[in-house]
């Protein structure tokens, strides 16, 4: 199996980063930090905590990169570190994650463009309905939705992060979206 240029570049960057190359580290952080931050923010609903966890995640990567062997699973490894850091922090703080921000819910709700005012009455009602519907999902289903839509992970990567079969992850995504559609009704969901 031949490697794609993207995989070769990642492998080269990881090797160079392990050797202390600052440009390689910068490339890795620039490539993945936004997605890690987005996933963590979706999980905890707090920008400051998400930033802190993102930084902590990359600190862990720096410490462990020498032990990591690239076999096409870097993203899953990175996101597993991030999720473990968040879980540990939430346990430490003994509080539950807060609801996600309106802008993030807007992207999941669909139908509102980036240039439109997300704070109109109809939009606020739609976001409130979506927030209530998401709160009714099981924690495991919600994690899959957040990893897929906020973290941009593939289903295979989500399965690796959660250490579950891909079929289970696919079933949870399907079940979660179906439940959201049922809870929101035909007026709140674009078909």
Protein backbone atom coordinates (compact mmCIF):
# COMPACT_ATOMS: atom_id res chain seq x y z
CA UNK A 1 0.00 0.00 0.00
CA UNK A 2 1.55 3.30 -1.04
CA UNK A 3 1.28 6.36 1.14
CA UNK A 4 -0.47 9.49 -0.01
CA UNK A 5 1.57 12.70 -0.15
CA UNK A 6 -0.45 13.97 2.82
CA UNK A 7 0.52 10.92 4.92
CA UNK A 8 4.15 11.23 3.85
CA UNK A 9 4.17 14.91 4.85
CA UNK A 10 2.60 14.09 8.22
CA UNK A 11 5.08 11.30 8.82
CA UNK A 12 7.97 13.61 7.88
CA UNK A 13 6.62 16.39 10.11
CA UNK A 14 6.20 14.00 13.04
CA UNK A 15 9.75 12.70 12.60
CA UNK A 16 11.17 16.22 12.31
CA UNK A 17 9.11 17.36 15.31
CA UNK A 18 10.42 14.44 17.38
CA UNK A 19 13.91 15.68 16.51
CA UNK A 20 13.04 19.19 17.76
CA UNK A 21 12.32 20.99 14.47
CA UNK A 22 10.24 24.07 15.37
CA UNK A 23 8.81 24.47 11.86
CA UNK A 24 7.49 20.91 11.97
CA UNK A 25 5.86 21.58 15.35
CA UNK A 26 4.31 24.76 14.00
CA UNK A 27 2.86 22.84 11.03
CA UNK A 28 1.40 20.16 13.28
CA UNK A 29 -0.12 22.68 15.69
CA UNK A 30 -1.52 24.83 12.87
CA UNK A 31 -3.02 21.78 11.18
CA UNK A 32 -4.70 20.24 14.21
CA UNK A 33 -5.18 22.84 16.96
CA UNK A 34 -8.37 24.36 15.51
CA UNK A 35 -10.05 20.95 15.29
CA UNK A 36 -8.92 19.90 18.77
CA UNK A 37 -10.13 23.22 20.18
CA UNK A 38 -13.48 22.90 18.35
CA UNK A 39 -14.11 19.41 19.68
CA UNK A 40 -13.19 20.28 23.24
CA UNK A 41 -15.25 23.48 23.14
CA UNK A 42 -18.21 21.49 21.87
CA UNK A 43 -17.78 19.04 24.73
CA UNK A 44 -17.41 21.58 27.55
CA UNK A 45 -18.98 24.78 26.18
CA UNK A 46 -16.17 26.93 27.59
CA UNK A 47 -13.66 28.72 25.36
CA UNK A 48 -11.08 29.22 28.10
CA UNK A 49 -11.20 25.61 29.24
CA UNK A 50 -11.06 24.42 25.61
CA UNK A 51 -7.98 26.56 25.01
CA UNK A 52 -6.36 25.22 28.18
CA UNK A 53 -7.10 21.59 27.23
CA UNK A 54 -5.87 22.17 23.67
CA UNK A 55 -2.57 23.51 24.99
CA UNK A 56 -2.32 20.63 27.45
CA UNK A 57 -2.97 18.16 24.64
CA UNK A 58 -0.13 19.53 22.55
CA UNK A 59 2.17 19.56 25.60
CA UNK A 60 1.45 15.85 26.00
CA UNK A 61 2.16 15.30 22.31
CA UNK A 62 5.51 17.08 22.70
CA UNK A 63 6.44 14.81 25.60
CA UNK A 64 5.33 11.58 23.90
CA UNK A 65 6.13 12.21 20.24
CA UNK A 66 9.42 10.35 20.51
CA UNK A 67 7.55 7.19 21.54
CA UNK A 68 4.88 7.55 18.85
CA UNK A 69 5.25 5.57 15.62
CA UNK A 70 3.17 6.89 12.73
CA UNK A 71 0.97 4.14 11.33
CA UNK A 72 -1.83 6.32 9.98
CA UNK A 73 -3.51 6.89 13.34
CA UNK A 74 -2.04 10.19 14.48
CA UNK A 75 -5.38 12.03 14.48
CA UNK A 76 -7.06 9.34 16.53
CA UNK A 77 -4.12 9.37 18.97
CA UNK A 78 -4.22 13.17 19.21
CA UNK A 79 -7.99 13.32 19.78
CA UNK A 80 -7.84 10.51 22.34
CA UNK A 81 -5.28 12.54 24.30
CA UNK A 82 -7.56 15.59 24.07
CA UNK A 83 -10.63 13.68 25.23
CA UNK A 84 -8.67 12.11 28.11
CA UNK A 85 -7.38 15.53 29.17
CA UNK A 86 -10.91 16.93 29.14
CA UNK A 87 -12.30 13.98 31.08
CA UNK A 88 -9.56 14.32 33.69
CA UNK A 89 -10.17 18.06 34.01
CA UNK A 90 -13.93 17.64 34.32
CA UNK A 91 -13.42 15.04 37.04
CA UNK A 92 -11.03 17.37 38.80
CA UNK A 93 -13.49 20.23 38.68
CA UNK A 94 -16.42 17.94 39.53
CA UNK A 95 -18.81 19.67 37.22
CA UNK A 96 -20.60 18.77 34.08
CA UNK A 97 -20.03 20.31 30.69
CA UNK A 98 -22.03 23.43 29.96
CA UNK A 99 -24.16 23.81 26.83
CA UNK A 100 -22.35 24.64 23.62
CA UNK A 101 -22.31 28.19 22.30
CA UNK A 102 -24.96 29.48 19.91
CA UNK A 103 -22.54 29.79 16.98
CA UNK A 104 -21.62 26.11 17.23
CA UNK A 105 -25.25 25.03 17.49
CA UNK A 106 -26.06 27.20 14.50
CA UNK A 107 -23.70 25.22 12.30
CA UNK A 108 -25.30 21.95 13.41
CA UNK A 109 -28.85 23.32 13.04
CA UNK A 110 -28.19 24.33 9.44
CA UNK A 111 -30.20 26.87 7.53
CA UNK A 112 -28.38 29.90 8.91
CA UNK A 113 -25.54 31.26 6.85
CA UNK A 114 -22.42 32.78 8.35
CA UNK A 115 -23.46 36.29 7.28
CA UNK A 116 -26.95 36.10 8.77
CA UNK A 117 -27.85 37.44 12.19
CA UNK A 118 -27.97 34.41 14.49
CA UNK A 119 -29.73 36.31 17.22
CA UNK A 120 -33.15 36.87 15.62
CA UNK A 121 -36.14 35.56 17.55
CA UNK A 122 -36.75 32.67 15.16
CA UNK A 123 -33.09 31.68 15.21
CA UNK A 124 -32.89 31.95 18.98
CA UNK A 125 -35.90 29.70 19.28
CA UNK A 126 -34.36 27.21 16.84
CA UNK A 127 -31.10 27.20 18.82
CA UNK A 128 -32.95 26.79 22.10
CA UNK A 129 -34.88 23.86 20.62
CA UNK A 130 -31.67 22.29 19.32
CA UNK A 131 -29.94 22.78 22.67
CA UNK A 132 -32.85 21.11 24.48
CA UNK A 133 -32.89 18.25 21.97
CA UNK A 134 -29.13 17.70 22.28
CA UNK A 135 -29.43 17.67 26.06
CA UNK A 136 -31.78 14.70 25.71
CA UNK A 137 -29.21 12.61 23.83
CA UNK A 138 -27.24 10.03 25.74
CA UNK A 139 -23.68 11.06 26.56
CA UNK A 140 -22.26 8.44 24.20
CA UNK A 141 -24.45 9.57 21.29
CA UNK A 142 -23.62 13.22 21.96
CA UNK A 143 -19.89 12.47 21.94
CA UNK A 144 -20.14 10.86 18.51
CA UNK A 145 -22.07 13.87 17.15
CA UNK A 146 -19.52 16.29 18.58
CA UNK A 147 -16.49 14.35 17.37
CA UNK A 148 -17.96 14.02 13.90
CA UNK A 149 -19.34 17.55 13.46
CA UNK A 150 -17.03 19.67 15.60
CA UNK A 151 -13.82 17.64 15.55
CA UNK A 152 -14.15 16.65 11.90
CA UNK A 153 -13.14 13.08 12.65
CA UNK A 154 -14.00 10.21 10.34
CA UNK A 155 -16.07 7.38 11.75
CA UNK A 156 -12.99 5.15 11.77
CA UNK A 157 -11.10 7.75 13.81
CA UNK A 158 -14.01 8.15 16.22
CA UNK A 159 -14.04 4.37 16.67
CA UNK A 160 -10.32 4.46 17.49
CA UNK A 161 -10.68 7.35 19.95
CA UNK A 162 -13.60 5.70 21.75
CA UNK A 163 -12.08 2.23 21.40
CA UNK A 164 -15.33 0.87 19.96
CA UNK A 165 -16.28 -0.97 16.77
CA UNK A 166 -17.02 1.29 13.82
CA UNK A 167 -20.50 -0.25 13.55
CA UNK A 168 -21.30 0.95 17.07
CA UNK A 169 -20.13 4.46 16.19
CA UNK A 170 -22.20 4.49 12.99
CA UNK A 171 -25.26 3.24 14.87
CA UNK A 172 -24.87 5.93 17.52
CA UNK A 173 -24.56 8.67 14.89
CA UNK A 174 -27.65 7.39 13.10
CA UNK A 175 -29.62 7.02 16.34
CA UNK A 176 -28.59 10.47 17.58
CA UNK A 177 -29.53 12.23 14.36
CA UNK A 178 -32.83 10.36 14.18
CA UNK A 179 -33.65 11.34 17.76
CA UNK A 180 -32.74 14.98 17.06
CA UNK A 181 -35.04 14.98 14.02
CA UNK A 182 -37.86 13.49 16.08
CA UNK A 183 -37.36 15.94 18.94
CA UNK A 184 -37.10 18.97 16.68
CA UNK A 185 -40.03 18.08 14.47
CA UNK A 186 -40.51 18.93 10.79
CA UNK A 187 -40.42 22.73 11.28
CA UNK A 188 -36.95 22.85 12.86
CA UNK A 189 -35.05 20.43 10.62
CA UNK A 190 -34.20 20.87 6.94
CA UNK A 191 -34.90 17.63 5.08
